[in-house]
Amino acid sequence: MKALIDTNVIVDALTSRKPWKESAEKIFLMAANQVMAAYITASSATDIYYLVRKYLHSTEQAKQVMGKLYSFMGILMVTGDECVDALASAVSDYEDAVIERTAAKAEMDCIITRNVKDYQDGIVKALLPDDFIAFMENGK
């Protein structure tokens, strides 16, 4: 299973945001244990770094966290093609449309996000973290 993990889920795990922390951490463990292939977009990486640095109040610690993240998650390149294609996407939020187009180009099986409603008109299926975990654990 190849999944693109949305920024909100990554930040939930890295900053222990409640009530989403537990699900996000389970997804991290699945990725670290190679139960699934997890990815973020290159454009999300800068947002994640910014939020983690702000949370930790430390540039050096944020860089260490990002290095660990990159050790078990792939980074998908966002090109001009995805940016242009996102303009015509059925996904109305532009940032989400870029992520969805990037996921489609990379042939991801799903996008894991807390924001499934914004992806409902896209080609790549969006799943809530808990729904993804249930699917992986139970096949449902």
C-alpha atoms as a PDB file:
ATOM      1  CA  MET A   1       0.000   0.000   0.000  1.00  0.00           C
ATOM      2  CA  LYS A   2       1.370   3.401  -1.032  1.00  0.00           C
ATOM      3  CA  ALA A   3      -0.104   6.362   0.828  1.00  0.00           C
ATOM      4  CA  LEU A   4       0.507  10.066   0.680  1.00  0.00           C
ATOM      5  CA  ILE A   5       0.218  11.491   4.188  1.00  0.00           C
ATOM      6  CA  ASP A   6      -1.303  14.962   4.378  1.00  0.00           C
ATOM      7  CA  THR A   7       0.445  17.685   6.354  1.00  0.00           C
ATOM      8  CA  ASN A   8      -2.171  17.727   9.120  1.00  0.00           C
ATOM      9  CA  VAL A   9      -1.550  14.059  10.000  1.00  0.00           C
ATOM     10  CA  ILE A  10       2.228  14.515  10.037  1.00  0.00           C
ATOM     11  CA  VAL A  11       1.975  17.552  12.300  1.00  0.00           C
ATOM     12  CA  ASP A  12      -0.473  15.710  14.592  1.00  0.00           C
ATOM     13  CA  ALA A  13       2.147  13.032  15.221  1.00  0.00           C
ATOM     14  CA  LEU A  14       5.157  15.329  15.493  1.00  0.00           C
ATOM     15  CA  THR A  15       3.522  17.806  17.873  1.00  0.00           C
ATOM     16  CA  SER A  16       1.328  15.351  19.814  1.00  0.00           C
ATOM     17  CA  ARG A  17      -1.851  17.223  18.851  1.00  0.00           C
ATOM     18  CA  LYS A  18      -4.861  15.849  20.644  1.00  0.00           C
ATOM     19  CA  PRO A  19      -7.198  14.170  19.917  1.00  0.00           C
ATOM     20  CA  TRP A  20      -5.462  13.026  16.699  1.00  0.00           C
ATOM     21  CA  LYS A  21      -2.039  12.091  18.114  1.00  0.00           C
ATOM     22  CA  GLU A  22      -2.705   8.380  18.657  1.00  0.00           C
ATOM     23  CA  SER A  23      -3.921   7.659  15.122  1.00  0.00           C
ATOM     24  CA  ALA A  24      -1.142   9.710  13.551  1.00  0.00           C
ATOM     25  CA  GLU A  25       1.483   7.881  15.621  1.00  0.00           C
ATOM     26  CA  LYS A  26       0.063   4.493  14.556  1.00  0.00           C
ATOM     27  CA  ILE A  27       0.447   5.534  10.931  1.00  0.00           C
ATOM     28  CA  PHE A  28       4.047   6.584  11.631  1.00  0.00           C
ATOM     29  CA  LEU A  29       4.738   3.155  13.162  1.00  0.00           C
ATOM     30  CA  MET A  30       3.253   1.432  10.111  1.00  0.00           C
ATOM     31  CA  ALA A  31       5.538   3.484   7.884  1.00  0.00           C
ATOM     32  CA  ALA A  32       8.622   2.959  10.073  1.00  0.00           C
ATOM     33  CA  ASN A  33       7.935  -0.801  10.199  1.00  0.00           C
ATOM     34  CA  GLN A  34       7.430  -0.873   6.433  1.00  0.00           C
ATOM     35  CA  VAL A  35       3.848  -2.140   6.714  1.00  0.00           C
ATOM     36  CA  MET A  36       3.076   0.549   4.136  1.00  0.00           C
ATOM     37  CA  ALA A  37       5.009   2.917   1.915  1.00  0.00           C
ATOM     38  CA  ALA A  38       4.411   6.447   3.208  1.00  0.00           C
ATOM     39  CA  TYR A  39       5.110   9.671   1.360  1.00  0.00           C
ATOM     40  CA  ILE A  40       4.791  13.411   1.768  1.00  0.00           C
ATOM     41  CA  THR A  41       5.083  16.030  -0.942  1.00  0.00           C
ATOM     42  CA  ALA A  42       8.123  18.254  -1.221  1.00  0.00           C
ATOM     43  CA  SER A  43       5.815  21.255  -0.886  1.00  0.00           C
ATOM     44  CA  SER A  44       4.444  19.874   2.402  1.00  0.00           C
ATOM     45  CA  ALA A  45       7.957  19.367   3.786  1.00  0.00           C
ATOM     46  CA  THR A  46       8.539  23.102   4.173  1.00  0.00           C
ATOM     47  CA  ASP A  47       5.194  23.591   5.923  1.00  0.00           C
ATOM     48  CA  ILE A  48       5.899  20.669   8.255  1.00  0.00           C
ATOM     49  CA  TYR A  49       9.373  22.015   9.077  1.00  0.00           C
ATOM     50  CA  TYR A  50       7.978  25.477   9.812  1.00  0.00           C
ATOM     51  CA  LEU A  51       5.282  24.136  12.169  1.00  0.00           C
ATOM     52  CA  VAL A  52       7.653  21.733  13.947  1.00  0.00           C
ATOM     53  CA  ARG A  53      10.296  24.457  14.424  1.00  0.00           C
ATOM     54  CA  LYS A  54       7.627  26.760  15.854  1.00  0.00           C
ATOM     55  CA  TYR A  55       6.397  23.990  18.181  1.00  0.00           C
ATOM     56  CA  LEU A  56       9.901  23.029  19.377  1.00  0.00           C
ATOM     57  CA  HIS A  57      11.325  26.583  19.429  1.00  0.00           C
ATOM     58  CA  SER A  58      14.531  25.147  17.995  1.00  0.00           C
ATOM     59  CA  THR A  59      15.904  25.097  14.468  1.00  0.00           C
ATOM     60  CA  GLU A  60      18.354  22.317  15.272  1.00  0.00           C
ATOM     61  CA  GLN A  61      15.738  20.068  16.886  1.00  0.00           C
ATOM     62  CA  ALA A  62      13.356  20.680  13.972  1.00  0.00           C
ATOM     63  CA  LYS A  63      16.071  19.623  11.518  1.00  0.00           C
ATOM     64  CA  GLN A  64      16.652  16.430  13.530  1.00  0.00           C
ATOM     65  CA  VAL A  65      12.930  15.644  13.516  1.00  0.00           C
ATOM     66  CA  MET A  66      12.754  16.211   9.763  1.00  0.00           C
ATOM     67  CA  GLY A  67      15.759  13.941   9.218  1.00  0.00           C
ATOM     68  CA  LYS A  68      14.040  11.158  11.155  1.00  0.00           C
ATOM     69  CA  LEU A  69      10.831  11.731   9.187  1.00  0.00           C
ATOM     70  CA  TYR A  70      12.723  11.454   5.903  1.00  0.00           C
ATOM     71  CA  SER A  71      14.312   8.190   7.047  1.00  0.00           C
ATOM     72  CA  PHE A  72      11.003   6.326   6.750  1.00  0.00           C
ATOM     73  CA  MET A  73       8.890   8.491   4.439  1.00  0.00           C
ATOM     74  CA  GLY A  74       9.518   9.213   0.813  1.00  0.00           C
ATOM     75  CA  ILE A  75       9.256  12.701  -0.629  1.00  0.00           C
ATOM     76  CA  LEU A  76       7.257  13.198  -3.822  1.00  0.00           C
ATOM     77  CA  MET A  77       8.364  15.959  -6.139  1.00  0.00           C
ATOM     78  CA  VAL A  78       5.786  18.601  -7.017  1.00  0.00           C
ATOM     79  CA  THR A  79       6.331  19.898 -10.527  1.00  0.00           C
ATOM     80  CA  GLY A  80       4.840  22.672 -12.569  1.00  0.00           C
ATOM     81  CA  ASP A  81       2.617  20.089 -14.252  1.00  0.00           C
ATOM     82  CA  GLU A  82       0.850  19.252 -10.988  1.00  0.00           C
ATOM     83  CA  CYS A  83       0.462  22.947 -10.191  1.00  0.00           C
ATOM     84  CA  VAL A  84      -1.096  23.641 -13.590  1.00  0.00           C
ATOM     85  CA  ASP A  85      -3.275  20.505 -13.518  1.00  0.00           C
ATOM     86  CA  ALA A  86      -4.540  21.484 -10.062  1.00  0.00           C
ATOM     87  CA  LEU A  87      -6.100  24.623 -11.547  1.00  0.00           C
ATOM     88  CA  ALA A  88      -8.541  22.464 -13.515  1.00  0.00           C
ATOM     89  CA  SER A  89      -9.023  19.859 -10.779  1.00  0.00           C
ATOM     90  CA  ALA A  90     -12.423  18.982  -9.369  1.00  0.00           C
ATOM     91  CA  VAL A  91     -10.790  19.410  -5.934  1.00  0.00           C
ATOM     92  CA  SER A  92     -11.761  22.998  -5.124  1.00  0.00           C
ATOM     93  CA  ASP A  93      -9.027  23.879  -2.598  1.00  0.00           C
ATOM     94  CA  TYR A  94      -5.924  24.620  -4.680  1.00  0.00           C
ATOM     95  CA  GLU A  95      -3.357  23.372  -2.148  1.00  0.00           C
ATOM     96  CA  ASP A  96      -5.282  20.116  -1.749  1.00  0.00           C
ATOM     97  CA  ALA A  97      -5.650  19.858  -5.538  1.00  0.00           C
ATOM     98  CA  VAL A  98      -1.860  20.066  -5.939  1.00  0.00           C
ATOM     99  CA  ILE A  99      -1.426  17.309  -3.352  1.00  0.00           C
ATOM    100  CA  GLU A 100      -4.096  15.164  -5.031  1.00  0.00           C
ATOM    101  CA  ARG A 101      -2.564  15.642  -8.498  1.00  0.00           C
ATOM    102  CA  THR A 102       0.879  14.749  -7.093  1.00  0.00           C
ATOM    103  CA  ALA A 103      -0.573  11.619  -5.475  1.00  0.00           C
ATOM    104  CA  ALA A 104      -2.263  10.634  -8.738  1.00  0.00           C
ATOM    105  CA  LYS A 105       0.920  11.103 -10.772  1.00  0.00           C
ATOM    106  CA  ALA A 106       2.879   8.973  -8.275  1.00  0.00           C
ATOM    107  CA  GLU A 107       0.151   6.297  -8.357  1.00  0.00           C
ATOM    108  CA  MET A 108      -0.607   6.480  -4.644  1.00  0.00           C
ATOM    109  CA  ASP A 109      -3.330   4.148  -3.383  1.00  0.00           C
ATOM    110  CA  CYS A 110      -4.737   6.804  -1.069  1.00  0.00           C
ATOM    111  CA  ILE A 111      -4.252  10.097   0.715  1.00  0.00           C
ATOM    112  CA  ILE A 112      -4.427   9.958   4.517  1.00  0.00           C
ATOM    113  CA  THR A 113      -5.908  13.181   5.845  1.00  0.00           C
ATOM    114  CA  ARG A 114      -8.255  14.595   8.445  1.00  0.00           C
ATOM    115  CA  ASN A 115      -9.683  16.721   5.658  1.00  0.00           C
ATOM    116  CA  VAL A 116     -11.377  14.083   3.453  1.00  0.00           C
ATOM    117  CA  LYS A 117     -14.211  16.349   2.331  1.00  0.00           C
ATOM    118  CA  ASP A 118     -11.805  18.556   0.363  1.00  0.00           C
ATOM    119  CA  TYR A 119     -10.548  15.522  -1.570  1.00  0.00           C
ATOM    120  CA  GLN A 120     -13.911  13.877  -2.283  1.00  0.00           C
ATOM    121  CA  ASP A 121     -13.964  14.999  -5.929  1.00  0.00           C
ATOM    122  CA  GLY A 122     -10.415  13.843  -6.638  1.00  0.00           C
ATOM    123  CA  ILE A 123      -9.189  10.710  -8.391  1.00  0.00           C
ATOM    124  CA  VAL A 124      -7.157   9.390  -5.439  1.00  0.00           C
ATOM    125  CA  LYS A 125      -9.240   8.097  -2.523  1.00  0.00           C
ATOM    126  CA  ALA A 126      -8.875  10.083   0.702  1.00  0.00           C
ATOM    127  CA  LEU A 127      -9.141   8.292   4.043  1.00  0.00           C
ATOM    128  CA  LEU A 128      -9.340   9.493   7.609  1.00  0.00           C
ATOM    129  CA  PRO A 129      -6.427   8.198   9.712  1.00  0.00           C
ATOM    130  CA  ASP A 130      -8.689   5.882  11.750  1.00  0.00           C
ATOM    131  CA  ASP A 131     -10.290   4.491   8.576  1.00  0.00           C
ATOM    132  CA  PHE A 132      -6.860   3.825   7.082  1.00  0.00           C
ATOM    133  CA  ILE A 133      -5.728   2.041  10.254  1.00  0.00           C
ATOM    134  CA  ALA A 134      -8.901  -0.097  10.298  1.00  0.00           C
ATOM    135  CA  PHE A 135      -8.378  -0.972   6.646  1.00  0.00           C
ATOM    136  CA  MET A 136      -4.770  -1.993   7.233  1.00  0.00           C
ATOM    137  CA  GLU A 137      -5.561  -3.978  10.391  1.00  0.00           C
ATOM    138  CA  ASN A 138      -8.819  -5.601   9.284  1.00  0.00           C
ATOM    139  CA  GLY A 139      -8.910  -5.254   5.535  1.00  0.00           C
ATOM    140  CA  LYS A 140     -12.033  -3.077   5.851  1.00  0.00           C
END
